[in-house]
Amino acid sequence: MLQPWATQGHAAAVDSTPLRANGGVWHKKHRLAGEVPHTSIDTEATWSKSGYHGWWYGWKLHLAVVVGSIWIPLAAEFTIASEADNLIAPKLLEQLPMAVRYVLGDTHYNTPELRQECTLHNRELVATRRGPYPHRDGGVEVRRIFHKLRSLAIEPFNGVFKNTFEWRGQMPVKGLKRCQLLALGAILLYQIVLLYQHQRQLPVGVGVKALLRAA
């Protein structure tokens, strides 16, 4: 209804964003010993590491977002932090609308399995290649353009989303099921707000936080 690809190619960006667990962290030595040093620790969370965020204890919110004039979350999954992005990605891909022709991801999504999954739905996976830089193959300049488009969609949306719900990167509740309900429910609520703005001819995606506070 919002026609986000009216003037741009039909692409979606995929990525995961870290959300820290509520309370303290459960260090490996204590986990292996079966010891929980403090009651604030959420024992259902796990550790993970990324090149940008470093180590964190908690969860991952996996997202597919429109690359277009409006940042619209198209699909979402919420897991423990140690779940691999490429293993969760098929769940995101199967939820995407048929209009999506390009799936943009980083190196974690560059696997034969995900390429095959995209091919089955007549889509092209464009993901960062492994190996030392600079890459010198024939497609490097095209991938650089797509990578920039991806960064201008998924990364700003993650920031806007966390700021809108004021989590500051940390879940306000404990336990996988409760965190899933809260995070995925927030994604649904964000989608509903965009639809509300569209139906009332308001600027779509502008002032979402203020609108939610007023409600």
Protein backbone atom coordinates (compact mmCIF):
# COMPACT_ATOMS: atom_id res chain seq x y z
CA MET A 1 0.00 0.00 0.00
CA LEU A 2 2.84 2.41 0.77
CA GLN A 3 4.64 1.59 -2.52
CA PRO A 4 8.17 1.98 -1.09
CA TRP A 5 9.77 0.89 -4.38
CA ALA A 6 7.86 3.27 -6.66
CA THR A 7 11.05 5.06 -7.71
CA GLN A 8 13.73 2.52 -6.73
CA GLY A 9 14.77 -1.08 -7.31
CA HIS A 10 12.92 -3.76 -5.37
CA ALA A 11 15.49 -4.57 -2.68
CA ALA A 12 15.48 -5.59 0.97
CA ALA A 13 18.40 -5.43 3.41
CA VAL A 14 18.98 -8.17 5.99
CA ASP A 15 21.02 -8.00 9.17
CA SER A 16 20.90 -8.68 12.90
CA THR A 17 21.26 -6.16 15.68
CA PRO A 18 22.40 -6.94 19.26
CA LEU A 19 20.18 -6.41 22.26
CA ARG A 20 21.81 -6.88 25.63
CA ALA A 21 20.15 -8.99 28.30
CA ASN A 22 18.45 -7.38 31.24
CA GLY A 23 20.61 -7.49 34.36
CA GLY A 24 24.11 -8.86 34.72
CA VAL A 25 26.11 -11.17 32.46
CA TRP A 26 26.71 -14.89 32.93
CA HIS A 27 30.41 -15.47 32.42
CA LYS A 28 31.56 -18.69 30.78
CA LYS A 29 33.37 -20.05 33.82
CA HIS A 30 30.25 -19.66 35.94
CA ARG A 31 28.00 -21.14 33.24
CA LEU A 32 30.22 -24.21 32.87
CA ALA A 33 30.23 -24.67 36.63
CA GLY A 34 26.46 -24.26 36.80
CA GLU A 35 26.81 -21.25 39.08
CA VAL A 36 24.57 -18.16 38.87
CA PRO A 37 26.42 -15.49 40.88
CA HIS A 38 23.57 -12.97 40.89
CA THR A 39 19.78 -13.16 40.61
CA SER A 40 19.78 -10.33 38.04
CA ILE A 41 21.36 -12.61 35.40
CA ASP A 42 19.07 -13.81 32.61
CA THR A 43 20.27 -17.40 32.24
CA GLU A 44 18.41 -17.94 28.93
CA ALA A 45 20.60 -15.41 27.10
CA THR A 46 23.94 -16.28 25.46
CA TRP A 47 27.21 -14.64 24.37
CA SER A 48 28.09 -13.46 20.87
CA LYS A 49 30.71 -11.30 19.19
CA SER A 50 30.77 -9.02 16.15
CA GLY A 51 33.50 -6.94 14.56
CA TYR A 52 31.59 -3.72 15.31
CA HIS A 53 29.94 -4.37 18.68
CA GLY A 54 32.51 -6.71 20.21
CA TRP A 55 31.30 -9.22 22.81
CA TRP A 56 27.81 -8.94 24.27
CA TYR A 57 25.56 -11.09 26.41
CA GLY A 58 21.94 -11.25 25.32
CA TRP A 59 19.95 -11.56 22.15
CA LYS A 60 19.74 -10.85 18.42
CA LEU A 61 16.94 -9.17 16.51
CA HIS A 62 17.15 -10.38 12.90
CA LEU A 63 15.51 -8.02 10.41
CA ALA A 64 14.70 -7.56 6.74
CA VAL A 65 14.03 -3.91 5.88
CA VAL A 66 12.92 -2.14 2.71
CA VAL A 67 15.69 -0.44 0.74
CA GLY A 68 13.65 2.45 -0.60
CA SER A 69 11.98 5.74 0.18
CA ILE A 70 10.57 4.43 3.49
CA TRP A 71 12.21 2.17 6.08
CA ILE A 72 9.65 -0.61 6.51
CA PRO A 73 10.46 -3.77 8.49
CA LEU A 74 9.32 -6.66 6.29
CA ALA A 75 10.30 -9.63 8.44
CA ALA A 76 11.75 -10.22 11.91
CA GLU A 77 13.04 -13.03 14.11
CA PHE A 78 14.30 -12.82 17.69
CA THR A 79 16.87 -15.32 18.98
CA ILE A 80 19.58 -15.85 21.53
CA ALA A 81 22.78 -13.98 20.65
CA SER A 82 24.73 -17.08 19.58
CA GLU A 83 22.37 -17.98 16.70
CA ALA A 84 24.16 -17.59 13.35
CA ASP A 85 22.72 -14.95 11.02
CA ASN A 86 22.86 -17.18 7.94
CA LEU A 87 20.89 -19.95 9.69
CA ILE A 88 18.07 -17.59 10.67
CA ALA A 89 18.03 -15.78 7.30
CA PRO A 90 15.82 -18.40 5.51
CA LYS A 91 13.03 -17.61 8.00
CA LEU A 92 13.28 -13.95 7.00
CA LEU A 93 13.42 -14.69 3.27
CA GLU A 94 10.26 -16.80 3.30
CA GLN A 95 8.32 -13.87 4.79
CA LEU A 96 9.38 -11.34 2.15
CA PRO A 97 6.80 -10.14 -0.38
CA MET A 98 7.15 -11.41 -3.94
CA ALA A 99 8.06 -7.89 -5.08
CA VAL A 100 11.53 -8.21 -3.50
CA ARG A 101 14.05 -8.95 -6.27
CA TYR A 102 17.34 -8.25 -4.46
CA VAL A 103 18.44 -9.31 -0.98
CA LEU A 104 21.37 -7.30 0.38
CA GLY A 105 23.51 -8.71 3.17
CA ASP A 106 27.02 -8.69 4.63
CA THR A 107 29.57 -11.51 4.62
CA HIS A 108 27.59 -13.68 7.07
CA TYR A 109 24.87 -14.15 4.45
CA ASN A 110 27.22 -15.10 1.62
CA THR A 111 26.55 -18.85 1.62
CA PRO A 112 25.58 -21.33 -1.14
CA GLU A 113 22.45 -22.27 0.80
CA LEU A 114 21.13 -18.70 0.93
CA ARG A 115 21.96 -18.14 -2.73
CA GLN A 116 19.95 -21.22 -3.61
CA GLU A 117 17.08 -20.06 -1.40
CA CYS A 118 17.01 -16.71 -3.21
CA THR A 119 17.20 -18.38 -6.62
CA LEU A 120 14.12 -20.46 -5.81
CA HIS A 121 12.15 -17.23 -5.42
CA ASN A 122 13.70 -15.49 -8.44
CA ARG A 123 15.82 -13.22 -6.27
CA GLU A 124 19.44 -12.18 -6.37
CA LEU A 125 21.56 -12.30 -3.21
CA VAL A 126 24.12 -9.49 -3.14
CA ALA A 127 26.50 -10.01 -0.22
CA THR A 128 30.00 -8.94 0.74
CA ARG A 129 32.62 -11.45 -0.41
CA ARG A 130 35.15 -13.09 1.85
CA GLY A 131 38.86 -12.67 1.39
CA PRO A 132 41.40 -9.85 1.71
CA TYR A 133 40.65 -6.38 0.39
CA PRO A 134 40.69 -4.90 -2.11
CA HIS A 135 38.60 -7.33 -4.16
CA ARG A 136 39.36 -7.12 -7.87
CA ASP A 137 36.67 -9.25 -9.51
CA GLY A 138 34.34 -7.84 -12.14
CA GLY A 139 31.41 -7.28 -9.76
CA VAL A 140 33.17 -5.39 -7.01
CA GLU A 141 31.96 -1.91 -8.02
CA VAL A 142 28.36 -3.08 -8.28
CA ARG A 143 28.55 -4.74 -4.86
CA ARG A 144 30.01 -1.56 -3.38
CA ILE A 145 26.94 0.39 -4.54
CA PHE A 146 24.57 -2.23 -3.15
CA HIS A 147 26.48 -2.37 0.14
CA LYS A 148 26.09 1.39 0.56
CA LEU A 149 22.35 1.14 -0.16
CA ARG A 150 22.10 -1.61 2.44
CA SER A 151 23.93 0.48 5.03
CA LEU A 152 21.61 3.43 4.39
CA ALA A 153 18.57 1.24 5.13
CA ILE A 154 19.18 -1.39 7.79
CA GLU A 155 21.61 0.51 10.03
CA PRO A 156 19.54 3.73 10.34
CA PHE A 157 16.38 1.70 10.92
CA ASN A 158 18.02 -0.24 13.76
CA GLY A 159 18.96 3.05 15.40
CA VAL A 160 15.53 4.60 14.91
CA PHE A 161 13.77 1.47 16.16
CA LYS A 162 15.83 1.22 19.37
CA ASN A 163 15.42 4.94 20.01
CA THR A 164 11.66 4.82 19.40
CA PHE A 165 11.12 2.19 22.08
CA GLU A 166 13.91 3.54 24.32
CA TRP A 167 15.56 0.18 24.98
CA ARG A 168 19.04 1.68 24.56
CA GLY A 169 20.27 -1.68 23.33
CA GLN A 170 19.04 -3.61 26.39
CA MET A 171 15.85 -5.62 26.77
CA PRO A 172 13.64 -4.43 29.66
CA VAL A 173 12.38 -7.96 30.42
CA LYS A 174 13.95 -11.40 30.97
CA GLY A 175 13.52 -14.79 29.35
CA LEU A 176 13.48 -15.72 25.67
CA LYS A 177 9.69 -15.92 25.27
CA ARG A 178 9.02 -12.60 27.00
CA CYS A 179 11.78 -10.87 25.02
CA GLN A 180 10.45 -12.33 21.77
CA LEU A 181 6.95 -11.14 22.55
CA LEU A 182 8.16 -7.63 23.35
CA ALA A 183 10.59 -7.21 20.43
CA LEU A 184 8.43 -8.78 17.71
CA GLY A 185 5.37 -7.04 19.11
CA ALA A 186 7.24 -3.74 18.79
CA ILE A 187 7.99 -4.50 15.13
CA LEU A 188 4.30 -5.15 14.50
CA LEU A 189 3.37 -1.95 16.31
CA TYR A 190 5.86 0.00 14.18
CA GLN A 191 4.26 -1.42 11.02
CA ILE A 192 0.80 -0.45 12.29
CA VAL A 193 1.98 3.12 12.94
CA LEU A 194 3.27 3.41 9.36
CA LEU A 195 -0.08 2.16 8.05
CA TYR A 196 -1.93 4.61 10.33
CA GLN A 197 0.17 7.51 9.00
CA HIS A 198 -0.41 6.42 5.40
CA GLN A 199 -4.18 6.14 5.81
CA ARG A 200 -4.38 9.59 7.38
CA GLN A 201 -2.09 11.16 4.81
CA LEU A 202 0.58 12.00 7.39
CA PRO A 203 4.32 11.94 6.57
CA VAL A 204 5.07 8.21 6.76
CA GLY A 205 7.89 7.28 9.13
CA VAL A 206 8.15 10.80 10.59
CA GLY A 207 7.42 11.42 14.27
CA VAL A 208 6.72 7.77 15.13
CA LYS A 209 8.05 8.14 18.69
CA ALA A 210 5.94 11.24 19.37
CA LEU A 211 2.85 9.56 17.95
CA LEU A 212 3.29 6.52 20.18
CA ARG A 213 3.78 8.72 23.25
CA ALA A 214 0.63 10.66 22.45
CA ALA A 215 -1.32 7.42 22.10
